[in-house]
Amino acid sequence: MTSPAPLVAPPAAASTGAAHRRGPGRPRDEELDGQLVAATLALIDAGEEVTVGRVVARSGVSRAALYRRWPSLTTLIAAALDVGREVPPEVGDAVGLHELLLTGLGLGADGVAPSAPGYPEARFRQRIRLVMADRALQRAYWTSHVARRRVPLERALAAGVARGELRADLDVEAAFDAIAGVAYYQLVVRGERIDEPAVVARMRAAIELIWRGMRA
């Protein structure tokens, strides 16, 4: 598998922020955006190096059109990596936080399990490979996509603090990192399948430890 080349656009278009229209001009053509994202995702899923030339050739969209619609190749790749993932719904007060954490098993970091329908495990592993090889892509993916999926659970944890269910000095962001880290350690470090009974039991035990530290 070829290592990714530097994933940056020409200086006039370079950026690692969220994908957005660069300024005044003609409206974004959603159909062309879809073609560009689909072509990029196809290259990722095939394990091929993602370059502007390959995206242009596979999508049929011109190089100039690509740069008009995406501030950098980095942001386009980040958008492609996020296809198949969604922002979780808000957590209502009626939902017990303890049960929510146990049933979620730390997967709230990405909204869905890495092997969920629409987001195969192979793509998850490609994503880890790509973002670990390119810090700019890692930050772009975090800023544009991952951070927004944390919001519903972080709000639920903050509400738990306000109700007195969770300790008043709880660092909500750190708590989320600890919870999500349970699953990522199994997948990325140990190389486990998170649907194996022994792995699920280990994850539940870890989240119980975190829960006891969070409780008021």
N, C-alpha and C. Protein backbone atom coordinates (compact mmCIF):
# COMPACT_ATOMS: atom_id res chain seq x y z
N MET A 1 0.85 -1.19 0.00
CA MET A 1 0.00 0.00 0.00
C MET A 1 0.88 1.24 0.00
N THR A 2 0.70 2.14 -0.92
CA THR A 2 1.56 3.30 -1.04
C THR A 2 1.29 4.30 0.06
N SER A 3 2.34 4.86 0.62
CA SER A 3 2.17 5.88 1.66
C SER A 3 1.63 7.14 1.03
N PRO A 4 0.72 7.85 1.74
CA PRO A 4 0.12 9.05 1.16
C PRO A 4 1.15 10.13 0.92
N ALA A 5 1.04 10.84 -0.19
CA ALA A 5 1.87 12.00 -0.44
C ALA A 5 1.33 13.16 0.38
N PRO A 6 2.09 14.25 0.53
CA PRO A 6 1.58 15.41 1.27
C PRO A 6 0.24 15.83 0.74
N LEU A 7 -0.74 15.96 1.62
CA LEU A 7 -2.11 16.20 1.19
C LEU A 7 -2.44 17.67 1.30
N VAL A 8 -1.87 18.48 0.44
CA VAL A 8 -2.13 19.91 0.50
C VAL A 8 -2.41 20.43 -0.89
N ALA A 9 -3.23 21.47 -0.93
CA ALA A 9 -3.54 22.11 -2.20
C ALA A 9 -2.51 23.20 -2.46
N PRO A 10 -2.54 23.84 -3.65
CA PRO A 10 -1.67 24.98 -3.90
C PRO A 10 -1.87 26.04 -2.83
N PRO A 11 -0.86 26.89 -2.54
CA PRO A 11 -0.93 27.85 -1.44
C PRO A 11 -2.18 28.69 -1.41
N ALA A 12 -2.70 29.09 -2.56
CA ALA A 12 -3.88 29.96 -2.57
C ALA A 12 -5.09 29.29 -1.98
N ALA A 13 -5.12 27.95 -1.97
CA ALA A 13 -6.31 27.25 -1.49
C ALA A 13 -6.06 26.48 -0.22
N ALA A 14 -4.82 26.46 0.29
CA ALA A 14 -4.48 25.60 1.42
C ALA A 14 -5.19 26.01 2.68
N SER A 15 -5.66 25.00 3.41
CA SER A 15 -6.31 25.20 4.70
C SER A 15 -6.54 23.85 5.30
N THR A 16 -6.59 23.75 6.64
CA THR A 16 -6.93 22.48 7.27
C THR A 16 -8.21 22.60 8.07
N GLY A 17 -9.00 23.64 7.83
CA GLY A 17 -10.25 23.80 8.55
C GLY A 17 -11.36 23.02 7.89
N ALA A 18 -12.61 23.26 8.34
CA ALA A 18 -13.76 22.56 7.79
C ALA A 18 -13.95 22.92 6.33
N ALA A 19 -14.45 21.94 5.56
CA ALA A 19 -14.70 22.19 4.16
C ALA A 19 -15.82 23.20 4.02
N HIS A 20 -15.56 24.26 3.22
CA HIS A 20 -16.58 25.28 3.04
C HIS A 20 -16.28 26.05 1.78
N ARG A 21 -17.25 26.79 1.26
CA ARG A 21 -17.04 27.58 0.06
C ARG A 21 -16.07 28.71 0.39
N ARG A 22 -15.12 28.98 -0.52
CA ARG A 22 -14.01 29.85 -0.21
C ARG A 22 -14.41 31.32 -0.14
N GLY A 23 -15.55 31.70 -0.63
CA GLY A 23 -15.92 33.10 -0.57
C GLY A 23 -16.97 33.41 -1.60
N PRO A 24 -17.21 34.70 -1.88
CA PRO A 24 -18.23 35.07 -2.85
C PRO A 24 -17.96 34.41 -4.20
N GLY A 25 -19.01 34.09 -4.90
CA GLY A 25 -18.88 33.42 -6.19
C GLY A 25 -20.09 32.56 -6.43
N ARG A 26 -20.00 31.69 -7.41
CA ARG A 26 -21.16 30.88 -7.73
C ARG A 26 -21.41 29.85 -6.62
N PRO A 27 -22.67 29.48 -6.39
CA PRO A 27 -23.00 28.53 -5.31
C PRO A 27 -22.32 27.19 -5.55
N ARG A 28 -22.05 26.50 -4.47
CA ARG A 28 -21.47 25.17 -4.56
C ARG A 28 -22.42 24.24 -5.30
N ASP A 29 -21.89 23.46 -6.20
CA ASP A 29 -22.67 22.46 -6.93
C ASP A 29 -22.61 21.17 -6.14
N GLU A 30 -23.71 20.82 -5.48
CA GLU A 30 -23.71 19.64 -4.61
C GLU A 30 -23.45 18.36 -5.39
N GLU A 31 -23.87 18.32 -6.65
CA GLU A 31 -23.64 17.11 -7.44
C GLU A 31 -22.14 16.90 -7.68
N LEU A 32 -21.44 17.99 -8.00
CA LEU A 32 -19.99 17.89 -8.19
C LEU A 32 -19.29 17.53 -6.88
N ASP A 33 -19.76 18.11 -5.78
CA ASP A 33 -19.19 17.77 -4.48
C ASP A 33 -19.33 16.28 -4.21
N GLY A 34 -20.53 15.75 -4.53
CA GLY A 34 -20.77 14.34 -4.31
C GLY A 34 -19.85 13.47 -5.15
N GLN A 35 -19.61 13.89 -6.40
CA GLN A 35 -18.70 13.13 -7.27
C GLN A 35 -17.28 13.14 -6.70
N LEU A 36 -16.85 14.28 -6.20
CA LEU A 36 -15.50 14.39 -5.65
C LEU A 36 -15.34 13.55 -4.39
N VAL A 37 -16.33 13.61 -3.51
CA VAL A 37 -16.26 12.82 -2.28
C VAL A 37 -16.30 11.33 -2.59
N ALA A 38 -17.19 10.93 -3.51
CA ALA A 38 -17.30 9.52 -3.86
C ALA A 38 -16.00 9.00 -4.47
N ALA A 39 -15.38 9.80 -5.32
CA ALA A 39 -14.12 9.38 -5.94
C ALA A 39 -13.02 9.25 -4.90
N THR A 40 -12.98 10.19 -3.98
CA THR A 40 -11.97 10.14 -2.91
C THR A 40 -12.18 8.92 -2.03
N LEU A 41 -13.42 8.66 -1.69
CA LEU A 41 -13.73 7.50 -0.84
C LEU A 41 -13.38 6.20 -1.54
N ALA A 42 -13.63 6.13 -2.85
CA ALA A 42 -13.30 4.92 -3.60
C ALA A 42 -11.79 4.65 -3.57
N LEU A 43 -10.99 5.71 -3.66
CA LEU A 43 -9.53 5.55 -3.58
C LEU A 43 -9.12 5.08 -2.19
N ILE A 44 -9.75 5.66 -1.15
CA ILE A 44 -9.44 5.26 0.22
C ILE A 44 -9.79 3.80 0.45
N ASP A 45 -11.00 3.41 0.05
CA ASP A 45 -11.44 2.03 0.28
C ASP A 45 -10.59 1.03 -0.50
N ALA A 46 -10.02 1.47 -1.62
CA ALA A 46 -9.17 0.59 -2.42
C ALA A 46 -7.73 0.56 -1.91
N GLY A 47 -7.45 1.39 -0.91
CA GLY A 47 -6.10 1.44 -0.36
C GLY A 47 -5.11 2.14 -1.26
N GLU A 48 -5.62 2.99 -2.17
CA GLU A 48 -4.75 3.70 -3.10
C GLU A 48 -4.37 5.07 -2.55
N GLU A 49 -3.23 5.56 -3.02
CA GLU A 49 -2.81 6.91 -2.63
C GLU A 49 -3.80 7.93 -3.17
N VAL A 50 -4.19 8.88 -2.33
CA VAL A 50 -5.14 9.90 -2.74
C VAL A 50 -4.37 11.13 -3.20
N THR A 51 -4.49 11.44 -4.47
CA THR A 51 -3.86 12.64 -5.03
C THR A 51 -4.92 13.42 -5.80
N VAL A 52 -4.64 14.68 -6.05
CA VAL A 52 -5.57 15.50 -6.82
C VAL A 52 -5.78 14.89 -8.20
N GLY A 53 -4.71 14.45 -8.84
CA GLY A 53 -4.82 13.87 -10.17
C GLY A 53 -5.72 12.65 -10.19
N ARG A 54 -5.59 11.78 -9.22
CA ARG A 54 -6.41 10.57 -9.18
C ARG A 54 -7.87 10.90 -8.88
N VAL A 55 -8.11 11.86 -8.00
CA VAL A 55 -9.49 12.26 -7.70
C VAL A 55 -10.13 12.86 -8.94
N VAL A 56 -9.39 13.70 -9.64
CA VAL A 56 -9.91 14.33 -10.85
C VAL A 56 -10.22 13.27 -11.91
N ALA A 57 -9.31 12.32 -12.10
CA ALA A 57 -9.51 11.29 -13.12
C ALA A 57 -10.69 10.40 -12.79
N ARG A 58 -10.85 10.04 -11.52
CA ARG A 58 -11.93 9.13 -11.14
C ARG A 58 -13.28 9.83 -11.10
N SER A 59 -13.29 11.10 -10.72
CA SER A 59 -14.56 11.82 -10.55
C SER A 59 -15.06 12.45 -11.84
N GLY A 60 -14.14 12.78 -12.74
CA GLY A 60 -14.54 13.49 -13.96
C GLY A 60 -14.73 14.97 -13.72
N VAL A 61 -14.38 15.46 -12.53
CA VAL A 61 -14.48 16.88 -12.19
C VAL A 61 -13.12 17.53 -12.42
N SER A 62 -13.10 18.73 -12.93
CA SER A 62 -11.84 19.37 -13.25
C SER A 62 -11.06 19.75 -11.99
N ARG A 63 -9.75 19.88 -12.15
CA ARG A 63 -8.89 20.31 -11.05
C ARG A 63 -9.32 21.68 -10.53
N ALA A 64 -9.64 22.59 -11.44
CA ALA A 64 -10.05 23.94 -11.04
C ALA A 64 -11.34 23.89 -10.22
N ALA A 65 -12.28 23.03 -10.63
CA ALA A 65 -13.54 22.91 -9.90
C ALA A 65 -13.30 22.33 -8.51
N LEU A 66 -12.36 21.38 -8.41
CA LEU A 66 -12.05 20.80 -7.09
C LEU A 66 -11.59 21.89 -6.15
N TYR A 67 -10.65 22.72 -6.60
CA TYR A 67 -10.11 23.75 -5.73
C TYR A 67 -11.10 24.87 -5.45
N ARG A 68 -12.07 25.06 -6.35
CA ARG A 68 -13.12 26.06 -6.07
C ARG A 68 -14.00 25.59 -4.93
N ARG A 69 -14.17 24.28 -4.81
CA ARG A 69 -15.14 23.75 -3.85
C ARG A 69 -14.52 23.29 -2.54
N TRP A 70 -13.24 23.01 -2.53
CA TRP A 70 -12.59 22.51 -1.31
C TRP A 70 -11.33 23.33 -1.04
N PRO A 71 -11.17 23.82 0.16
CA PRO A 71 -10.00 24.65 0.48
C PRO A 71 -8.69 23.88 0.39
N SER A 72 -8.74 22.55 0.49
CA SER A 72 -7.54 21.74 0.33
C SER A 72 -7.95 20.30 0.09
N LEU A 73 -7.03 19.51 -0.41
CA LEU A 73 -7.28 18.08 -0.56
C LEU A 73 -7.48 17.44 0.80
N THR A 74 -6.82 17.99 1.81
CA THR A 74 -6.96 17.47 3.17
C THR A 74 -8.41 17.50 3.63
N THR A 75 -9.10 18.61 3.41
CA THR A 75 -10.49 18.71 3.86
C THR A 75 -11.41 17.80 3.05
N LEU A 76 -11.08 17.58 1.78
CA LEU A 76 -11.86 16.65 0.96
C LEU A 76 -11.70 15.22 1.49
N ILE A 77 -10.50 14.83 1.81
CA ILE A 77 -10.26 13.49 2.36
C ILE A 77 -10.99 13.34 3.69
N ALA A 78 -10.94 14.37 4.53
CA ALA A 78 -11.64 14.31 5.81
C ALA A 78 -13.13 14.09 5.62
N ALA A 79 -13.71 14.78 4.63
CA ALA A 79 -15.14 14.61 4.35
C ALA A 79 -15.43 13.19 3.86
N ALA A 80 -14.56 12.65 3.01
CA ALA A 80 -14.76 11.30 2.50
C ALA A 80 -14.67 10.27 3.62
N LEU A 81 -13.74 10.46 4.54
CA LEU A 81 -13.59 9.53 5.65
C LEU A 81 -14.82 9.51 6.55
N ASP A 82 -15.61 10.58 6.51
CA ASP A 82 -16.76 10.67 7.40
C ASP A 82 -18.05 10.15 6.79
N VAL A 83 -18.01 9.75 5.53
CA VAL A 83 -19.22 9.21 4.88
C VAL A 83 -19.67 7.95 5.62
N GLY A 84 -20.96 7.91 5.98
CA GLY A 84 -21.50 6.76 6.70
C GLY A 84 -21.59 6.98 8.20
N ARG A 85 -21.17 8.15 8.68
CA ARG A 85 -21.23 8.43 10.11
C ARG A 85 -22.19 9.59 10.34
N GLU A 86 -22.80 9.61 11.51
CA GLU A 86 -23.81 10.63 11.81
C GLU A 86 -23.59 11.20 13.20
N VAL A 87 -24.11 12.39 13.42
CA VAL A 87 -24.11 12.97 14.76
C VAL A 87 -25.19 12.28 15.58
N PRO A 88 -24.86 11.73 16.75
CA PRO A 88 -25.88 11.05 17.55
C PRO A 88 -26.98 12.02 17.98
N PRO A 89 -28.18 11.52 18.26
CA PRO A 89 -29.26 12.39 18.73
C PRO A 89 -28.98 12.90 20.13
N GLU A 90 -29.65 13.98 20.49
CA GLU A 90 -29.51 14.51 21.85
C GLU A 90 -30.02 13.47 22.86
N VAL A 91 -29.41 13.45 24.02
CA VAL A 91 -29.79 12.51 25.07
C VAL A 91 -30.79 13.18 26.00
N GLY A 92 -31.98 12.63 26.11
CA GLY A 92 -32.99 13.22 26.98
C GLY A 92 -32.72 12.93 28.44
N ASP A 93 -33.34 13.73 29.31
CA ASP A 93 -33.15 13.55 30.76
C ASP A 93 -33.67 12.20 31.24
N ALA A 94 -34.58 11.61 30.48
CA ALA A 94 -35.15 10.33 30.92
C ALA A 94 -34.19 9.16 30.73
N VAL A 95 -33.15 9.38 29.94
CA VAL A 95 -32.18 8.31 29.67
C VAL A 95 -31.17 8.24 30.81
N GLY A 96 -31.01 7.07 31.41
CA GLY A 96 -30.03 6.91 32.48
C GLY A 96 -28.62 6.95 31.93
N LEU A 97 -27.78 7.82 32.50
CA LEU A 97 -26.42 7.97 31.99
C LEU A 97 -25.61 6.68 32.15
N HIS A 98 -25.79 6.01 33.28
CA HIS A 98 -25.03 4.79 33.53
C HIS A 98 -25.30 3.75 32.43
N GLU A 99 -26.56 3.54 32.15
CA GLU A 99 -26.94 2.56 31.13
C GLU A 99 -26.49 3.02 29.75
N LEU A 100 -26.58 4.32 29.51
CA LEU A 100 -26.17 4.87 28.22
C LEU A 100 -24.69 4.58 27.96
N LEU A 101 -23.86 4.78 28.97
CA LEU A 101 -22.43 4.55 28.80
C LEU A 101 -22.14 3.07 28.60
N LEU A 102 -22.85 2.22 29.33
CA LEU A 102 -22.61 0.78 29.19
C LEU A 102 -23.06 0.25 27.83
N THR A 103 -24.20 0.69 27.36
CA THR A 103 -24.69 0.20 26.07
C THR A 103 -23.90 0.80 24.91
N GLY A 104 -23.42 2.05 25.10
CA GLY A 104 -22.60 2.68 24.06
C GLY A 104 -21.20 2.11 24.02
N LEU A 105 -20.72 1.58 25.15
CA LEU A 105 -19.40 0.95 25.25
C LEU A 105 -18.28 1.80 24.67
N GLY A 106 -18.36 3.10 24.91
CA GLY A 106 -17.26 3.96 24.53
C GLY A 106 -17.21 4.36 23.08
N LEU A 107 -18.24 4.02 22.30
CA LEU A 107 -18.19 4.31 20.87
C LEU A 107 -18.76 5.67 20.52
N GLY A 108 -19.11 6.46 21.51
CA GLY A 108 -19.66 7.78 21.23
C GLY A 108 -18.68 8.70 20.52
N ALA A 109 -17.40 8.36 20.52
CA ALA A 109 -16.41 9.22 19.87
C ALA A 109 -16.72 9.42 18.40
N ASP A 110 -17.30 8.42 17.77
CA ASP A 110 -17.61 8.54 16.36
C ASP A 110 -19.08 8.35 16.06
N GLY A 111 -19.89 8.29 17.08
CA GLY A 111 -21.32 8.21 16.84
C GLY A 111 -21.82 6.81 16.57
N VAL A 112 -21.03 6.00 15.90
CA VAL A 112 -21.44 4.63 15.59
C VAL A 112 -20.23 3.72 15.73
N ALA A 113 -20.49 2.44 15.82
CA ALA A 113 -19.39 1.49 15.88
C ALA A 113 -18.63 1.50 14.56
N PRO A 114 -17.30 1.29 14.61
CA PRO A 114 -16.52 1.30 13.37
C PRO A 114 -17.00 0.27 12.36
N SER A 115 -17.63 -0.82 12.80
CA SER A 115 -18.09 -1.85 11.87
C SER A 115 -19.59 -1.74 11.57
N ALA A 116 -20.20 -0.60 11.89
CA ALA A 116 -21.63 -0.43 11.66
C ALA A 116 -21.94 -0.41 10.17
N PRO A 117 -23.19 -0.74 9.80
CA PRO A 117 -23.58 -0.68 8.38
C PRO A 117 -23.28 0.70 7.81
N GLY A 118 -22.70 0.74 6.63
CA GLY A 118 -22.36 2.02 6.01
C GLY A 118 -20.97 2.49 6.36
N TYR A 119 -20.34 1.85 7.35
CA TYR A 119 -18.97 2.23 7.70
C TYR A 119 -18.21 0.96 8.08
N PRO A 120 -17.71 0.23 7.10
CA PRO A 120 -17.06 -1.06 7.36
C PRO A 120 -15.77 -0.90 8.16
N GLU A 121 -15.39 -1.98 8.82
CA GLU A 121 -14.17 -1.95 9.63
C GLU A 121 -12.94 -1.64 8.79
N ALA A 122 -12.93 -2.12 7.54
CA ALA A 122 -11.78 -1.85 6.68
C ALA A 122 -11.58 -0.36 6.48
N ARG A 123 -12.68 0.39 6.34
CA ARG A 123 -12.57 1.85 6.18
C ARG A 123 -12.10 2.50 7.47
N PHE A 124 -12.59 1.99 8.59
CA PHE A 124 -12.13 2.50 9.88
C PHE A 124 -10.61 2.36 9.98
N ARG A 125 -10.09 1.21 9.59
CA ARG A 125 -8.65 0.97 9.68
C ARG A 125 -7.88 1.84 8.69
N GLN A 126 -8.44 2.06 7.52
CA GLN A 126 -7.82 2.97 6.56
C GLN A 126 -7.78 4.38 7.13
N ARG A 127 -8.85 4.76 7.81
CA ARG A 127 -8.90 6.10 8.41
C ARG A 127 -7.80 6.27 9.45
N ILE A 128 -7.64 5.26 10.30
CA ILE A 128 -6.59 5.33 11.32
C ILE A 128 -5.22 5.45 10.66
N ARG A 129 -5.00 4.65 9.59
CA ARG A 129 -3.71 4.71 8.89
C ARG A 129 -3.45 6.10 8.32
N LEU A 130 -4.46 6.66 7.67
CA LEU A 130 -4.28 7.95 7.02
C LEU A 130 -4.07 9.09 8.01
N VAL A 131 -4.89 9.14 9.05
CA VAL A 131 -4.77 10.27 9.98
C VAL A 131 -3.50 10.19 10.82
N MET A 132 -3.03 8.97 11.10
CA MET A 132 -1.80 8.85 11.87
C MET A 132 -0.58 9.22 11.03
N ALA A 133 -0.71 9.14 9.71
CA ALA A 133 0.40 9.49 8.82
C ALA A 133 0.42 10.97 8.47
N ASP A 134 -0.65 11.69 8.78
CA ASP A 134 -0.76 13.09 8.37
C ASP A 134 -1.46 13.88 9.47
N ARG A 135 -0.69 14.64 10.23
CA ARG A 135 -1.27 15.38 11.36
C ARG A 135 -2.27 16.43 10.88
N ALA A 136 -2.01 17.05 9.72
CA ALA A 136 -2.95 18.05 9.21
C ALA A 136 -4.31 17.42 8.92
N LEU A 137 -4.29 16.22 8.34
CA LEU A 137 -5.54 15.51 8.08
C LEU A 137 -6.20 15.12 9.39
N GLN A 138 -5.43 14.69 10.35
CA GLN A 138 -5.97 14.31 11.66
C GLN A 138 -6.69 15.49 12.31
N ARG A 139 -6.08 16.67 12.27
CA ARG A 139 -6.70 17.85 12.88
C ARG A 139 -7.93 18.29 12.08
N ALA A 140 -7.85 18.20 10.75
CA ALA A 140 -9.00 18.58 9.93
C ALA A 140 -10.18 17.66 10.19
N TYR A 141 -9.91 16.37 10.31
CA TYR A 141 -10.99 15.41 10.56
C TYR A 141 -11.59 15.64 11.95
N TRP A 142 -10.75 15.92 12.92
CA TRP A 142 -11.25 16.22 14.27
C TRP A 142 -12.11 17.46 14.27
N THR A 143 -11.60 18.55 13.71
CA THR A 143 -12.31 19.83 13.76
C THR A 143 -13.63 19.80 12.99
N SER A 144 -13.58 19.21 11.79
CA SER A 144 -14.75 19.25 10.91
C SER A 144 -15.81 18.21 11.23
N HIS A 145 -15.40 17.08 11.82
CA HIS A 145 -16.33 15.96 11.92
C HIS A 145 -16.43 15.35 13.32
N VAL A 146 -15.32 14.88 13.86
CA VAL A 146 -15.40 14.14 15.12
C VAL A 146 -15.90 15.01 16.27
N ALA A 147 -15.39 16.24 16.38
CA ALA A 147 -15.74 17.09 17.51
C ALA A 147 -17.25 17.32 17.62
N ARG A 148 -17.93 17.43 16.49
CA ARG A 148 -19.38 17.71 16.55
C ARG A 148 -20.17 16.49 17.01
N ARG A 149 -19.61 15.28 16.82
CA ARG A 149 -20.33 14.09 17.26
C ARG A 149 -20.24 13.89 18.77
N ARG A 150 -19.32 14.59 19.40
CA ARG A 150 -19.18 14.48 20.85
C ARG A 150 -20.23 15.30 21.59
N VAL A 151 -20.79 16.30 20.92
CA VAL A 151 -21.62 17.30 21.59
C VAL A 151 -22.80 16.71 22.36
N PRO A 152 -23.63 15.81 21.77
CA PRO A 152 -24.78 15.31 22.52
C PRO A 152 -24.40 14.62 23.83
N LEU A 153 -23.38 13.77 23.82
CA LEU A 153 -23.01 13.08 25.05
C LEU A 153 -22.34 14.04 26.04
N GLU A 154 -21.54 14.98 25.55
CA GLU A 154 -20.94 15.95 26.46
C GLU A 154 -22.03 16.79 27.14
N ARG A 155 -23.08 17.14 26.40
CA ARG A 155 -24.19 17.89 27.00
C ARG A 155 -24.90 17.03 28.04
N ALA A 156 -25.04 15.73 27.76
CA ALA A 156 -25.70 14.84 28.71
C ALA A 156 -24.88 14.72 29.98
N LEU A 157 -23.56 14.64 29.85
CA LEU A 157 -22.70 14.58 31.04
C LEU A 157 -22.79 15.89 31.84
N ALA A 158 -22.79 17.01 31.14
CA ALA A 158 -22.92 18.30 31.82
C ALA A 158 -24.25 18.41 32.55
N ALA A 159 -25.32 17.87 31.94
CA ALA A 159 -26.63 17.88 32.60
C ALA A 159 -26.60 17.00 33.84
N GLY A 160 -25.85 15.88 33.77
CA GLY A 160 -25.71 15.03 34.94
C GLY A 160 -25.00 15.73 36.07
N VAL A 161 -24.04 16.56 35.75
CA VAL A 161 -23.36 17.37 36.77
C VAL A 161 -24.35 18.36 37.38
N ALA A 162 -25.14 19.04 36.53
CA ALA A 162 -26.11 20.03 37.00
C ALA A 162 -27.16 19.40 37.91
N ARG A 163 -27.54 18.14 37.64
CA ARG A 163 -28.53 17.45 38.46
C ARG A 163 -27.95 16.92 39.76
N GLY A 164 -26.65 16.94 39.87
CA GLY A 164 -26.01 16.39 41.07
C GLY A 164 -25.76 14.90 40.98
N GLU A 165 -26.01 14.31 39.81
CA GLU A 165 -25.77 12.88 39.62
C GLU A 165 -24.29 12.59 39.47
N LEU A 166 -23.58 13.53 38.82
CA LEU A 166 -22.14 13.40 38.61
C LEU A 166 -21.42 14.45 39.45
N ARG A 167 -20.18 14.19 39.77
CA ARG A 167 -19.42 15.07 40.66
C ARG A 167 -19.30 16.48 40.08
N ALA A 168 -19.32 17.44 40.95
CA ALA A 168 -19.35 18.85 40.53
C ALA A 168 -18.07 19.27 39.82
N ASP A 169 -16.95 18.63 40.15
CA ASP A 169 -15.68 19.01 39.53
C ASP A 169 -15.34 18.16 38.31
N LEU A 170 -16.33 17.45 37.76
CA LEU A 170 -16.07 16.57 36.63
C LEU A 170 -15.64 17.37 35.41
N ASP A 171 -14.54 16.97 34.81
CA ASP A 171 -14.09 17.54 33.54
C ASP A 171 -14.79 16.73 32.44
N VAL A 172 -15.83 17.31 31.86
CA VAL A 172 -16.66 16.58 30.90
C VAL A 172 -15.86 16.12 29.69
N GLU A 173 -14.99 16.97 29.18
CA GLU A 173 -14.21 16.60 28.00
C GLU A 173 -13.27 15.45 28.31
N ALA A 174 -12.62 15.50 29.47
CA ALA A 174 -11.71 14.41 29.86
C ALA A 174 -12.49 13.12 30.08
N ALA A 175 -13.69 13.23 30.66
CA ALA A 175 -14.51 12.04 30.88
C ALA A 175 -14.88 11.39 29.55
N PHE A 176 -15.23 12.21 28.58
CA PHE A 176 -15.58 11.66 27.27
C PHE A 176 -14.37 10.96 26.65
N ASP A 177 -13.20 11.59 26.75
CA ASP A 177 -11.99 10.96 26.20
C ASP A 177 -11.75 9.59 26.83
N ALA A 178 -11.94 9.51 28.16
CA ALA A 178 -11.71 8.24 28.86
C ALA A 178 -12.70 7.18 28.40
N ILE A 179 -13.96 7.56 28.24
CA ILE A 179 -14.99 6.61 27.82
C ILE A 179 -14.72 6.11 26.40
N ALA A 180 -14.47 7.05 25.49
CA ALA A 180 -14.21 6.67 24.10
C ALA A 180 -12.92 5.86 23.98
N GLY A 181 -11.96 6.17 24.82
CA GLY A 181 -10.68 5.47 24.75
C GLY A 181 -10.78 3.99 25.05
N VAL A 182 -11.81 3.60 25.79
CA VAL A 182 -12.00 2.18 26.10
C VAL A 182 -12.11 1.37 24.82
N ALA A 183 -12.96 1.81 23.90
CA ALA A 183 -13.15 1.08 22.65
C ALA A 183 -11.94 1.20 21.73
N TYR A 184 -11.39 2.41 21.64
CA TYR A 184 -10.27 2.60 20.73
C TYR A 184 -9.06 1.77 21.14
N TYR A 185 -8.85 1.58 22.42
CA TYR A 185 -7.71 0.77 22.86
C TYR A 185 -7.87 -0.67 22.39
N GLN A 186 -9.11 -1.18 22.50
CA GLN A 186 -9.34 -2.56 22.05
C GLN A 186 -9.11 -2.70 20.55
N LEU A 187 -9.61 -1.74 19.78
CA LEU A 187 -9.55 -1.81 18.33
C LEU A 187 -8.16 -1.53 17.77
N VAL A 188 -7.56 -0.44 18.26
CA VAL A 188 -6.33 0.05 17.65
C VAL A 188 -5.08 -0.55 18.29
N VAL A 189 -5.07 -0.69 19.60
CA VAL A 189 -3.87 -1.17 20.29
C VAL A 189 -3.86 -2.69 20.41
N ARG A 190 -4.96 -3.24 20.92
CA ARG A 190 -5.01 -4.69 21.12
C ARG A 190 -5.40 -5.46 19.87
N GLY A 191 -6.00 -4.79 18.90
CA GLY A 191 -6.41 -5.46 17.67
C GLY A 191 -7.57 -6.42 17.87
N GLU A 192 -8.45 -6.11 18.81
CA GLU A 192 -9.58 -6.97 19.13
C GLU A 192 -10.80 -6.62 18.29
N ARG A 193 -11.73 -7.55 18.22
CA ARG A 193 -13.06 -7.29 17.67
C ARG A 193 -13.96 -6.94 18.84
N ILE A 194 -14.65 -5.82 18.75
CA ILE A 194 -15.41 -5.36 19.91
C ILE A 194 -16.74 -6.08 20.09
N ASP A 195 -17.04 -7.03 19.20
CA ASP A 195 -18.26 -7.82 19.41
C ASP A 195 -17.96 -9.16 20.08
N GLU A 196 -16.70 -9.42 20.40
CA GLU A 196 -16.35 -10.65 21.10
C GLU A 196 -16.79 -10.55 22.56
N PRO A 197 -17.42 -11.58 23.12
CA PRO A 197 -17.92 -11.53 24.50
C PRO A 197 -16.86 -11.13 25.53
N ALA A 198 -15.65 -11.66 25.42
CA ALA A 198 -14.61 -11.33 26.39
C ALA A 198 -14.21 -9.86 26.28
N VAL A 199 -14.22 -9.32 25.07
CA VAL A 199 -13.87 -7.92 24.87
C VAL A 199 -14.98 -7.02 25.42
N VAL A 200 -16.22 -7.38 25.15
CA VAL A 200 -17.35 -6.61 25.68
C VAL A 200 -17.30 -6.59 27.21
N ALA A 201 -17.00 -7.72 27.82
CA ALA A 201 -16.91 -7.78 29.28
C ALA A 201 -15.80 -6.88 29.80
N ARG A 202 -14.66 -6.88 29.12
CA ARG A 202 -13.54 -6.03 29.55
C ARG A 202 -13.89 -4.56 29.40
N MET A 203 -14.60 -4.22 28.32
CA MET A 203 -15.01 -2.83 28.11
C MET A 203 -16.02 -2.39 29.17
N ARG A 204 -16.96 -3.26 29.49
CA ARG A 204 -17.95 -2.94 30.53
C ARG A 204 -17.25 -2.71 31.88
N ALA A 205 -16.27 -3.54 32.18
CA ALA A 205 -15.54 -3.38 33.44
C ALA A 205 -14.81 -2.05 33.48
N ALA A 206 -14.19 -1.66 32.35
CA ALA A 206 -13.48 -0.39 32.29
C ALA A 206 -14.42 0.79 32.44
N ILE A 207 -15.59 0.72 31.79
CA ILE A 207 -16.54 1.83 31.88
C ILE A 207 -17.14 1.91 33.28
N GLU A 208 -17.31 0.78 33.94
CA GLU A 208 -17.78 0.80 35.34
C GLU A 208 -16.77 1.54 36.23
N LEU A 209 -15.49 1.31 35.99
CA LEU A 209 -14.46 2.02 36.76
C LEU A 209 -14.55 3.53 36.52
N ILE A 210 -14.71 3.91 35.25
CA ILE A 210 -14.83 5.34 34.92
C ILE A 210 -16.08 5.92 35.56
N TRP A 211 -17.19 5.17 35.50
CA TRP A 211 -18.45 5.64 36.08
C TRP A 211 -18.31 5.90 37.57
N ARG A 212 -17.64 5.00 38.28
CA ARG A 212 -17.48 5.19 39.74
C ARG A 212 -16.67 6.45 40.03
N GLY A 213 -15.73 6.76 39.16
CA GLY A 213 -14.96 8.00 39.36
C GLY A 213 -15.75 9.25 39.01
N MET A 214 -16.77 9.11 38.17
CA MET A 214 -17.57 10.26 37.75
C MET A 214 -18.72 10.56 38.71
N ARG A 215 -19.20 9.57 39.40
CA ARG A 215 -20.39 9.75 40.24
C ARG A 215 -20.18 10.76 41.35
N ALA A 216 -21.25 11.44 41.70
CA ALA A 216 -21.18 12.41 42.80
C ALA A 216 -20.96 11.67 44.11
